[in-house]
Amino acid sequence: RTSVIRYTREELNETACMIAALAESEGLDAHARSAMIRLTE
C-alpha cells in the first residue's frame, strides 16, 4: 500500500524535524534525510 501526503512549504518547515525524527526511530534513514533535504529546495 502506498500513501501520498502533500505539505505546503510552510507546513514542511514546521514539521520536517519531527518527520525526520519519526523516520529515524523506525530505521528509515533515507526518508529522514529526504525530509531534511526538502527544507533546502
N, C-alpha and C. Protein backbone atom coordinates (compact mmCIF):
# COMPACT_ATOMS: atom_id res chain seq x y z
N ARG A 1 0.84 -1.17 0.00
CA ARG A 1 0.00 0.00 0.00
C ARG A 1 0.89 1.24 0.00
N THR A 2 0.52 2.23 -0.77
CA THR A 2 1.27 3.47 -0.86
C THR A 2 0.38 4.62 -0.42
N SER A 3 0.95 5.52 0.34
CA SER A 3 0.24 6.74 0.75
C SER A 3 1.01 7.95 0.25
N VAL A 4 0.29 8.93 -0.24
CA VAL A 4 0.90 10.17 -0.69
C VAL A 4 0.38 11.28 0.20
N ILE A 5 1.31 12.04 0.76
CA ILE A 5 0.94 13.15 1.64
C ILE A 5 1.53 14.42 1.07
N ARG A 6 0.73 15.45 0.99
CA ARG A 6 1.19 16.72 0.43
C ARG A 6 1.29 17.75 1.55
N TYR A 7 2.41 18.48 1.55
CA TYR A 7 2.65 19.54 2.52
C TYR A 7 2.90 20.84 1.77
N THR A 8 2.43 21.94 2.32
CA THR A 8 2.83 23.24 1.80
C THR A 8 4.25 23.51 2.30
N ARG A 9 4.91 24.47 1.74
CA ARG A 9 6.26 24.84 2.18
C ARG A 9 6.23 25.19 3.67
N GLU A 10 5.24 25.95 4.09
CA GLU A 10 5.14 26.36 5.49
C GLU A 10 4.95 25.14 6.40
N GLU A 11 4.07 24.24 6.00
CA GLU A 11 3.84 23.03 6.81
C GLU A 11 5.11 22.19 6.92
N LEU A 12 5.83 22.07 5.82
CA LEU A 12 7.08 21.30 5.85
C LEU A 12 8.10 21.96 6.75
N ASN A 13 8.21 23.27 6.67
CA ASN A 13 9.15 23.99 7.54
C ASN A 13 8.84 23.74 9.02
N GLU A 14 7.56 23.62 9.34
CA GLU A 14 7.14 23.43 10.74
C GLU A 14 7.31 22.00 11.22
N THR A 15 7.32 21.03 10.31
CA THR A 15 7.27 19.63 10.73
C THR A 15 8.43 18.75 10.28
N ALA A 16 9.33 19.25 9.45
CA ALA A 16 10.39 18.41 8.89
C ALA A 16 11.23 17.73 9.96
N CYS A 17 11.56 18.42 11.02
CA CYS A 17 12.37 17.81 12.08
C CYS A 17 11.62 16.67 12.76
N MET A 18 10.32 16.83 12.95
CA MET A 18 9.52 15.76 13.55
C MET A 18 9.38 14.57 12.60
N ILE A 19 9.22 14.88 11.32
CA ILE A 19 9.14 13.82 10.31
C ILE A 19 10.44 13.03 10.30
N ALA A 20 11.56 13.74 10.30
CA ALA A 20 12.87 13.08 10.29
C ALA A 20 13.08 12.25 11.55
N ALA A 21 12.69 12.76 12.69
CA ALA A 21 12.86 12.02 13.95
C ALA A 21 12.03 10.73 13.93
N LEU A 22 10.81 10.80 13.44
CA LEU A 22 9.97 9.61 13.36
C LEU A 22 10.59 8.59 12.40
N ALA A 23 11.02 9.07 11.24
CA ALA A 23 11.63 8.17 10.26
C ALA A 23 12.88 7.50 10.84
N GLU A 24 13.73 8.26 11.51
CA GLU A 24 14.93 7.69 12.10
C GLU A 24 14.59 6.67 13.18
N SER A 25 13.57 6.93 13.97
CA SER A 25 13.19 5.99 15.03
C SER A 25 12.69 4.67 14.46
N GLU A 26 12.23 4.69 13.21
CA GLU A 26 11.76 3.48 12.55
C GLU A 26 12.83 2.87 11.65
N GLY A 27 14.06 3.44 11.70
CA GLY A 27 15.15 2.91 10.89
C GLY A 27 15.09 3.31 9.44
N LEU A 28 14.34 4.36 9.13
CA LEU A 28 14.17 4.83 7.75
C LEU A 28 15.04 6.05 7.52
N ASP A 29 16.35 5.83 7.57
CA ASP A 29 17.30 6.94 7.49
C ASP A 29 17.20 7.74 6.20
N ALA A 30 16.99 7.06 5.08
CA ALA A 30 16.87 7.78 3.80
C ALA A 30 15.64 8.68 3.79
N HIS A 31 14.56 8.23 4.40
CA HIS A 31 13.35 9.06 4.48
C HIS A 31 13.61 10.28 5.36
N ALA A 32 14.36 10.09 6.43
CA ALA A 32 14.71 11.21 7.31
C ALA A 32 15.54 12.24 6.54
N ARG A 33 16.54 11.76 5.81
CA ARG A 33 17.37 12.69 5.01
C ARG A 33 16.54 13.40 3.96
N SER A 34 15.61 12.69 3.35
CA SER A 34 14.74 13.27 2.33
C SER A 34 13.93 14.44 2.89
N ALA A 35 13.38 14.26 4.07
CA ALA A 35 12.61 15.34 4.69
C ALA A 35 13.48 16.57 4.93
N MET A 36 14.70 16.35 5.40
CA MET A 36 15.59 17.48 5.70
C MET A 36 16.10 18.15 4.41
N ILE A 37 16.36 17.36 3.38
CA ILE A 37 16.82 17.92 2.11
C ILE A 37 15.75 18.83 1.52
N ARG A 38 14.50 18.46 1.66
CA ARG A 38 13.41 19.26 1.10
C ARG A 38 13.33 20.65 1.72
N LEU A 39 13.90 20.82 2.89
CA LEU A 39 13.93 22.15 3.50
C LEU A 39 14.81 23.11 2.72
N THR A 40 15.79 22.58 2.00
CA THR A 40 16.74 23.43 1.28
C THR A 40 16.35 23.64 -0.18
N GLU A 41 15.30 22.98 -0.63
CA GLU A 41 14.89 23.10 -2.04
C GLU A 41 14.04 24.33 -2.26
